[in-house]
Amino acid sequence: MPVGNNGLRCFINLNQHLSESPHSSPPGQHHCHKHLHLHAPLPVKSTRAAGDHIMFGIQFAQLRHVCGRSQRQLWGNKKIIFGVKSSDDKRSPIKSPRRWEPNVIQKTVYSQILDRRMKIKMTARVLRCIDKAGSFDNYILNTKSLNSELGEKLKAEMKAILNSHNKT
């Protein structure tokens, strides 16, 4: 059983003893000094998804909500951030819920591979990445995770055209 002098020590010792089953605590619980730590049982077979996180040997699913607009646009791994805005008076306990959205703009881009112009909504970050990559085609083909259905669809079309040109 993990034993420690303070909460941090207990938490570190808990990490070391997650696989051990304590004799005095029910399954799924560890009692440490004055703290009771609950954790989910570890999976026998690793079923780790791409967005899952592992902390102290416990698997947590990614809890981020995927915005529908981000799937129809190019956001470049930007997300809507939720939080609270405090009033200017630091003594006031008033906090207002707030959301910060990415800077989305509509641009017409030309793809040399697809040989067409497209009106696409994208963030200013994606526009800078396109400039850095040299062209829209280079950005789409060389970005590992576009996190967008539109981006993946464009990438698949470009790769299909490039493969058909390479075969002939």
Protein backbone atom coordinates (compact mmCIF):
# COMPACT_ATOMS: atom_id res chain seq x y z
CA MET A 1 0.00 0.00 0.00
CA PRO A 2 1.31 3.47 -0.82
CA VAL A 3 2.36 5.42 2.22
CA GLY A 4 3.69 8.96 2.23
CA ASN A 5 4.10 12.12 4.23
CA ASN A 6 2.17 14.49 1.97
CA GLY A 7 -0.22 14.42 -0.98
CA LEU A 8 2.50 14.61 -3.63
CA ARG A 9 4.44 11.74 -2.14
CA CYS A 10 1.23 9.71 -1.87
CA PHE A 11 0.43 10.40 -5.51
CA ILE A 12 3.94 9.38 -6.65
CA ASN A 13 3.77 6.22 -4.55
CA LEU A 14 0.31 5.52 -5.93
CA ASN A 15 1.79 5.57 -9.42
CA GLN A 16 4.36 2.97 -8.39
CA HIS A 17 1.78 0.69 -6.77
CA LEU A 18 -1.09 0.84 -9.27
CA SER A 19 -0.54 -2.74 -10.36
CA GLU A 20 -0.49 -4.08 -6.80
CA SER A 21 -3.79 -4.99 -5.20
CA PRO A 22 -4.09 -3.56 -1.66
CA HIS A 23 -5.28 -5.99 1.00
CA SER A 24 -7.29 -3.53 3.09
CA SER A 25 -9.03 -1.58 0.28
CA PRO A 26 -11.76 -2.75 -2.12
CA PRO A 27 -10.76 -3.34 -5.77
CA GLY A 28 -10.28 -0.12 -7.74
CA GLN A 29 -9.38 1.94 -4.65
CA HIS A 30 -6.11 2.81 -2.96
CA HIS A 31 -5.98 4.28 0.52
CA CYS A 32 -3.01 6.53 1.10
CA HIS A 33 -2.37 8.34 4.39
CA LYS A 34 -5.58 10.39 4.69
CA HIS A 35 -6.49 10.38 0.99
CA LEU A 36 -8.63 7.88 -0.88
CA HIS A 37 -7.68 7.58 -4.55
CA LEU A 38 -10.12 6.02 -7.00
CA HIS A 39 -9.07 4.88 -10.43
CA ALA A 40 -10.50 2.88 -13.25
CA PRO A 41 -9.13 -0.65 -13.61
CA LEU A 42 -6.42 -0.95 -16.22
CA PRO A 43 -7.46 -2.68 -19.46
CA VAL A 44 -5.98 -6.13 -20.01
CA LYS A 45 -5.58 -5.58 -23.72
CA SER A 46 -4.33 -2.23 -25.01
CA THR A 47 -7.15 -0.54 -26.91
CA ARG A 48 -5.53 2.86 -27.11
CA ALA A 49 -7.10 5.21 -29.63
CA ALA A 50 -5.21 7.98 -31.41
CA GLY A 51 -6.50 10.78 -29.17
CA ASP A 52 -6.31 8.94 -25.83
CA HIS A 53 -4.01 10.08 -23.05
CA ILE A 54 -2.29 7.92 -20.44
CA MET A 55 -1.54 9.43 -17.06
CA PHE A 56 -0.15 7.40 -14.16
CA GLY A 57 -0.92 4.21 -16.07
CA ILE A 58 -4.62 5.07 -16.42
CA GLN A 59 -6.11 5.53 -19.87
CA PHE A 60 -8.26 8.62 -20.39
CA ALA A 61 -10.23 9.25 -23.56
CA GLN A 62 -9.82 12.63 -25.19
CA LEU A 63 -12.80 14.70 -24.09
CA ARG A 64 -12.57 17.41 -26.74
CA HIS A 65 -15.69 18.12 -28.73
CA VAL A 66 -15.07 18.23 -32.48
CA CYS A 67 -16.81 21.23 -34.03
CA GLY A 68 -18.72 20.51 -37.26
CA ARG A 69 -17.42 23.70 -38.85
CA SER A 70 -13.84 22.56 -38.33
CA GLN A 71 -14.59 19.47 -40.44
CA ARG A 72 -15.90 21.56 -43.37
CA GLN A 73 -13.07 24.12 -43.13
CA LEU A 74 -9.30 24.13 -42.62
CA TRP A 75 -8.50 25.19 -39.06
CA GLY A 76 -4.90 23.93 -38.76
CA ASN A 77 -5.34 22.18 -35.37
CA LYS A 78 -7.04 25.24 -33.85
CA LYS A 79 -10.05 24.65 -31.59
CA ILE A 80 -12.77 26.70 -29.96
CA ILE A 81 -11.58 27.48 -26.44
CA PHE A 82 -14.10 27.73 -23.62
CA GLY A 83 -13.42 29.61 -20.39
CA VAL A 84 -14.53 32.46 -18.19
CA LYS A 85 -13.88 36.17 -18.35
CA SER A 86 -13.36 37.88 -15.01
CA SER A 87 -14.46 41.45 -14.46
CA ASP A 88 -11.86 44.22 -14.34
CA ASP A 89 -12.44 44.63 -10.62
CA LYS A 90 -10.31 41.88 -9.08
CA ARG A 91 -12.41 41.88 -5.90
CA SER A 92 -15.61 41.09 -7.78
CA PRO A 93 -16.51 37.39 -7.93
CA ILE A 94 -18.44 37.85 -11.20
CA LYS A 95 -17.21 35.60 -13.98
CA SER A 96 -18.90 35.43 -17.36
CA PRO A 97 -18.70 32.34 -19.59
CA ARG A 98 -16.78 33.06 -22.76
CA ARG A 99 -15.62 31.28 -25.90
CA TRP A 100 -12.65 32.18 -28.06
CA GLU A 101 -13.06 31.16 -31.69
CA PRO A 102 -10.27 30.85 -34.27
CA ASN A 103 -9.75 33.68 -36.76
CA VAL A 104 -11.57 32.15 -39.76
CA ILE A 105 -11.40 33.88 -43.15
CA GLN A 106 -12.62 32.88 -46.60
CA LYS A 107 -10.01 32.67 -49.33
CA THR A 108 -9.96 31.51 -52.92
CA VAL A 109 -7.04 29.14 -53.46
CA TYR A 110 -5.78 27.50 -56.63
CA SER A 111 -4.69 23.88 -56.74
CA GLN A 112 -2.28 23.04 -59.56
CA ILE A 113 -2.81 19.30 -59.13
CA LEU A 114 -6.62 19.51 -59.21
CA ASP A 115 -6.43 22.37 -61.75
CA ARG A 116 -9.23 24.38 -60.15
CA ARG A 117 -9.95 27.31 -57.88
CA MET A 118 -11.76 26.67 -54.58
CA LYS A 119 -13.35 29.00 -52.05
CA ILE A 120 -12.30 27.62 -48.68
CA LYS A 121 -12.77 28.96 -45.19
CA MET A 122 -9.52 28.67 -43.27
CA THR A 123 -7.82 30.19 -40.26
CA ALA A 124 -5.08 32.78 -40.51
CA ARG A 125 -2.70 30.12 -39.18
CA VAL A 126 -3.45 27.86 -42.18
CA LEU A 127 -2.83 30.80 -44.52
CA ARG A 128 0.62 31.32 -42.94
CA CYS A 129 1.32 27.57 -43.23
CA ILE A 130 0.37 27.63 -46.93
CA ASP A 131 2.82 30.50 -47.47
CA LYS A 132 5.51 28.58 -45.61
CA ALA A 133 4.87 25.37 -47.58
CA GLY A 134 5.07 27.25 -50.89
CA SER A 135 1.66 26.32 -52.30
CA PHE A 136 -1.75 25.04 -51.29
CA ASP A 137 -0.96 21.62 -52.78
CA ASN A 138 2.28 21.30 -50.79
CA TYR A 139 0.45 22.22 -47.58
CA ILE A 140 -2.31 19.64 -48.10
CA LEU A 141 0.03 16.82 -49.20
CA ASN A 142 2.77 17.37 -46.59
CA THR A 143 0.64 18.03 -43.48
CA LYS A 144 0.42 14.85 -41.40
CA SER A 145 -2.89 15.49 -39.65
CA LEU A 146 -5.28 17.97 -41.19
CA ASN A 147 -8.03 17.15 -38.63
CA SER A 148 -10.65 18.02 -41.22
CA GLU A 149 -12.88 15.96 -43.49
CA LEU A 150 -12.43 18.58 -46.22
CA GLY A 151 -8.63 18.42 -45.93
CA GLU A 152 -8.55 14.62 -45.98
CA LYS A 153 -10.87 14.56 -49.01
CA LEU A 154 -8.65 17.02 -50.90
CA LYS A 155 -5.55 15.03 -49.95
CA ALA A 156 -7.11 11.80 -51.25
CA GLU A 157 -8.11 13.48 -54.55
CA MET A 158 -4.60 14.90 -55.02
CA LYS A 159 -2.93 11.57 -54.27
CA ALA A 160 -5.26 9.75 -56.69
CA ILE A 161 -4.40 12.19 -59.48
CA LEU A 162 -0.66 11.98 -58.73
CA ASN A 163 -0.81 8.15 -58.72
CA SER A 164 -2.67 8.09 -62.05
CA HIS A 165 -0.05 10.41 -63.60
CA ASN A 166 2.80 8.26 -62.23
CA LYS A 167 1.33 5.06 -63.72
CA THR A 168 1.11 6.49 -67.22
